[in-house]
Amino acid sequence: MNVVSRHDFQKLANAGSAERRLLAESCRNIVDLLILKSKRHLDMNVISLILILFCVFASACSSNGGVFPVTEVQSTPAQEVSWLELPDGRAIATVHGDRQVGEHITFVRFPPGLRTAIHTHSNSYSGIVVKGLARHYQPASEAQANWLMSGSFYSVPGNVPHISECAQESECVFAIHQHGAFDRALAE
């Protein structure tokens, strides 16, 4: 079963600007190529999720004046993603931009069962669960927090204390997009 088809990007095409219409057509063409060329070799759910993530972020950037100026096709194959292991078991891998300076797209990996301390980030970010079962919530709303499966979207406002948690069953991987530099401060 294909999760995405070339028609799923019609919303982008209807967004108005010529730049976004071109981006949507490019995304549809990439979907066609991926479906034809890699059906037997890669999990279509993973391909679709990564492609949707790219197209959504690229579309947002093109509507903001091209925050990520792109003059040629760029890609980072999964086997070439460079992970930075952190002391608490988390790992991060920036695949576009510079997380220490400004706008970026970064993968974040949690080991099974990891639950962060209450913390904040200076800048808002949006994320997609790529792998695993996770939840992100404000401390007072833990009982109502939804567990998010692969393909789920979430966003965290800047300076809002929250907790991020990965279920015990398997590791979690998130892809996050943030317009500003990444930071993390423990909440008091």
Protein backbone atom coordinates (compact mmCIF):
# COMPACT_ATOMS: atom_id res chain seq x y z
CA MET A 1 0.00 0.00 0.00
CA ASN A 2 1.40 3.41 -0.96
CA VAL A 3 0.99 6.04 1.75
CA VAL A 4 1.43 8.94 -0.63
CA SER A 5 0.60 9.52 -4.26
CA ARG A 6 1.44 12.32 -6.66
CA HIS A 7 -2.02 13.79 -6.03
CA ASP A 8 -1.31 14.32 -2.32
CA PHE A 9 0.66 17.44 -3.18
CA GLN A 10 -2.25 19.19 -4.90
CA LYS A 11 -2.77 21.30 -1.77
CA LEU A 12 0.68 22.77 -2.27
CA ALA A 13 -0.05 23.49 -5.91
CA ASN A 14 -3.21 25.36 -4.96
CA ALA A 15 -1.32 27.59 -2.53
CA GLY A 16 -1.00 30.36 -5.09
CA SER A 17 2.55 31.38 -5.87
CA ALA A 18 4.39 30.12 -8.94
CA GLU A 19 7.25 29.04 -6.69
CA ARG A 20 4.96 26.82 -4.60
CA ARG A 21 3.30 25.37 -7.71
CA LEU A 22 6.74 24.46 -9.06
CA LEU A 23 7.66 22.91 -5.71
CA ALA A 24 4.45 20.85 -5.66
CA GLU A 25 5.07 19.59 -9.21
CA SER A 26 8.62 18.67 -8.24
CA CYS A 27 7.33 16.77 -5.21
CA ARG A 28 4.81 14.89 -7.36
CA ASN A 29 7.58 13.95 -9.80
CA ILE A 30 9.82 12.75 -6.97
CA VAL A 31 6.97 10.62 -5.59
CA ASP A 32 6.47 9.02 -9.00
CA LEU A 33 10.18 8.29 -9.33
CA LEU A 34 10.50 6.85 -5.80
CA ILE A 35 7.46 4.63 -6.24
CA LEU A 36 8.72 3.29 -9.57
CA LYS A 37 12.39 2.86 -8.66
CA SER A 38 12.37 1.65 -5.06
CA LYS A 39 9.23 -0.37 -4.46
CA ARG A 40 11.19 -3.54 -3.88
CA HIS A 41 14.05 -2.08 -1.86
CA LEU A 42 12.72 0.39 0.72
CA ASP A 43 9.73 0.58 3.01
CA MET A 44 7.28 2.85 1.18
CA ASN A 45 6.00 4.27 4.48
CA VAL A 46 9.51 5.52 5.32
CA ILE A 47 10.04 6.93 1.81
CA SER A 48 6.67 8.65 1.90
CA LEU A 49 7.20 10.11 5.34
CA ILE A 50 10.63 11.52 4.48
CA LEU A 51 9.32 12.92 1.22
CA ILE A 52 6.31 14.53 2.87
CA LEU A 53 8.57 16.01 5.54
CA PHE A 54 10.87 17.46 2.88
CA CYS A 55 8.07 18.88 0.79
CA VAL A 56 6.22 20.42 3.75
CA PHE A 57 9.37 22.06 5.08
CA ALA A 58 10.52 23.15 1.62
CA SER A 59 7.09 24.59 0.91
CA ALA A 60 7.08 26.52 4.17
CA CYS A 61 10.51 27.89 3.43
CA SER A 62 9.64 28.89 -0.13
CA SER A 63 6.63 30.80 1.17
CA ASN A 64 8.91 32.61 3.64
CA GLY A 65 11.14 34.00 0.92
CA GLY A 66 13.34 30.95 0.51
CA VAL A 67 14.90 30.64 3.95
CA PHE A 68 16.82 27.63 2.65
CA PRO A 69 18.02 28.90 -0.73
CA VAL A 70 18.27 25.86 -2.95
CA THR A 71 19.84 26.08 -6.38
CA GLU A 72 20.28 22.37 -7.02
CA VAL A 73 18.83 19.06 -5.87
CA GLN A 74 20.15 18.11 -2.44
CA SER A 75 19.83 14.87 -0.56
CA THR A 76 21.23 12.97 2.39
CA PRO A 77 20.84 9.17 2.14
CA ALA A 78 19.84 7.62 5.47
CA GLN A 79 23.09 5.63 5.69
CA GLU A 80 25.08 8.90 5.49
CA VAL A 81 23.27 10.72 8.30
CA SER A 82 25.89 11.62 10.90
CA TRP A 83 24.55 11.17 14.44
CA LEU A 84 25.97 13.02 17.46
CA GLU A 85 25.47 10.81 20.53
CA LEU A 86 24.53 12.72 23.69
CA PRO A 87 25.34 11.57 27.25
CA ASP A 88 21.72 10.75 28.22
CA GLY A 89 21.24 8.30 25.34
CA ARG A 90 19.67 10.77 22.91
CA ALA A 91 21.28 11.44 19.53
CA ILE A 92 20.89 14.30 17.05
CA ALA A 93 21.67 14.64 13.36
CA THR A 94 21.21 17.91 11.51
CA VAL A 95 20.50 17.24 7.84
CA HIS A 96 19.89 20.81 6.69
CA GLY A 97 20.89 24.21 8.03
CA ASP A 98 22.85 24.79 11.23
CA ARG A 99 21.07 24.06 14.52
CA GLN A 100 23.61 26.12 16.49
CA VAL A 101 23.06 29.28 14.44
CA GLY A 102 19.57 29.34 12.96
CA GLU A 103 17.02 27.50 10.89
CA HIS A 104 17.54 23.76 10.57
CA ILE A 105 16.01 20.35 10.02
CA THR A 106 17.32 17.83 12.54
CA PHE A 107 16.63 14.20 13.37
CA VAL A 108 16.39 13.44 17.11
CA ARG A 109 16.67 9.85 18.38
CA PHE A 110 15.54 8.65 21.82
CA PRO A 111 16.27 5.20 23.26
CA PRO A 112 13.24 3.14 24.34
CA GLY A 113 11.63 4.48 27.51
CA LEU A 114 13.46 7.82 27.61
CA ARG A 115 11.48 10.59 29.27
CA THR A 116 13.09 14.02 29.38
CA ALA A 117 13.12 16.33 32.34
CA ILE A 118 10.81 19.33 32.04
CA HIS A 119 12.57 21.73 29.70
CA THR A 120 12.10 24.60 27.25
CA HIS A 121 13.52 25.78 23.92
CA SER A 122 13.86 29.47 23.01
CA ASN A 123 12.37 28.89 19.56
CA SER A 124 9.20 27.05 18.53
CA TYR A 125 9.60 23.91 16.46
CA SER A 126 7.49 21.45 14.52
CA GLY A 127 8.15 17.75 14.34
CA ILE A 128 7.09 14.50 12.77
CA VAL A 129 7.49 11.14 14.47
CA VAL A 130 9.52 9.08 11.99
CA LYS A 131 9.86 5.94 14.11
CA GLY A 132 8.45 4.64 17.36
CA LEU A 133 5.67 5.76 19.67
CA ALA A 134 6.15 9.07 21.47
CA ARG A 135 4.43 11.98 23.13
CA HIS A 136 5.27 15.62 23.81
CA TYR A 137 3.25 17.44 26.44
CA GLN A 138 3.12 20.14 29.08
CA PRO A 139 3.50 18.72 32.61
CA ALA A 140 -0.04 19.60 33.73
CA SER A 141 -1.56 17.74 30.76
CA GLU A 142 0.25 14.40 31.00
CA ALA A 143 -2.97 12.42 31.55
CA GLN A 144 -4.45 13.79 28.31
CA ALA A 145 -1.23 13.53 26.24
CA ASN A 146 -1.66 11.47 23.08
CA TRP A 147 0.84 8.80 22.11
CA LEU A 148 1.92 9.58 18.57
CA MET A 149 2.82 6.85 16.09
CA SER A 150 5.07 7.18 13.02
CA GLY A 151 3.79 9.84 10.66
CA SER A 152 2.23 11.96 13.42
CA PHE A 153 2.81 15.71 13.58
CA TYR A 154 3.37 17.84 16.67
CA SER A 155 4.59 21.34 17.49
CA VAL A 156 6.13 22.86 20.59
CA PRO A 157 5.93 26.62 21.22
CA GLY A 158 9.09 28.45 22.27
CA ASN A 159 9.62 28.93 26.01
CA VAL A 160 6.84 26.51 26.98
CA PRO A 161 7.90 23.94 29.60
CA HIS A 162 7.29 20.44 28.25
CA ILE A 163 8.32 16.79 28.41
CA SER A 164 9.20 14.53 25.49
CA GLU A 165 8.81 10.79 25.98
CA CYS A 166 9.49 7.62 23.99
CA ALA A 167 7.49 4.46 24.75
CA GLN A 168 9.26 1.37 26.09
CA GLU A 169 8.64 -0.78 22.98
CA SER A 170 11.29 0.67 20.63
CA GLU A 171 13.53 3.66 19.99
CA CYS A 172 11.97 6.85 18.68
CA VAL A 173 13.15 9.11 15.87
CA PHE A 174 11.72 12.58 15.26
CA ALA A 175 12.40 14.99 12.44
CA ILE A 176 12.15 18.57 13.64
CA HIS A 177 12.13 21.89 11.81
CA GLN A 178 13.01 25.02 13.72
CA HIS A 179 13.31 28.57 12.34
CA GLY A 180 15.89 29.57 14.96
CA ALA A 181 18.86 28.02 16.70
CA PHE A 182 18.29 24.95 18.86
CA ASP A 183 18.78 25.22 22.59
CA ARG A 184 17.49 23.38 25.63
CA ALA A 185 17.11 24.69 29.17
CA LEU A 186 15.82 22.72 32.14
CA ALA A 187 12.70 24.29 33.63
CA GLU A 188 12.78 25.23 37.28
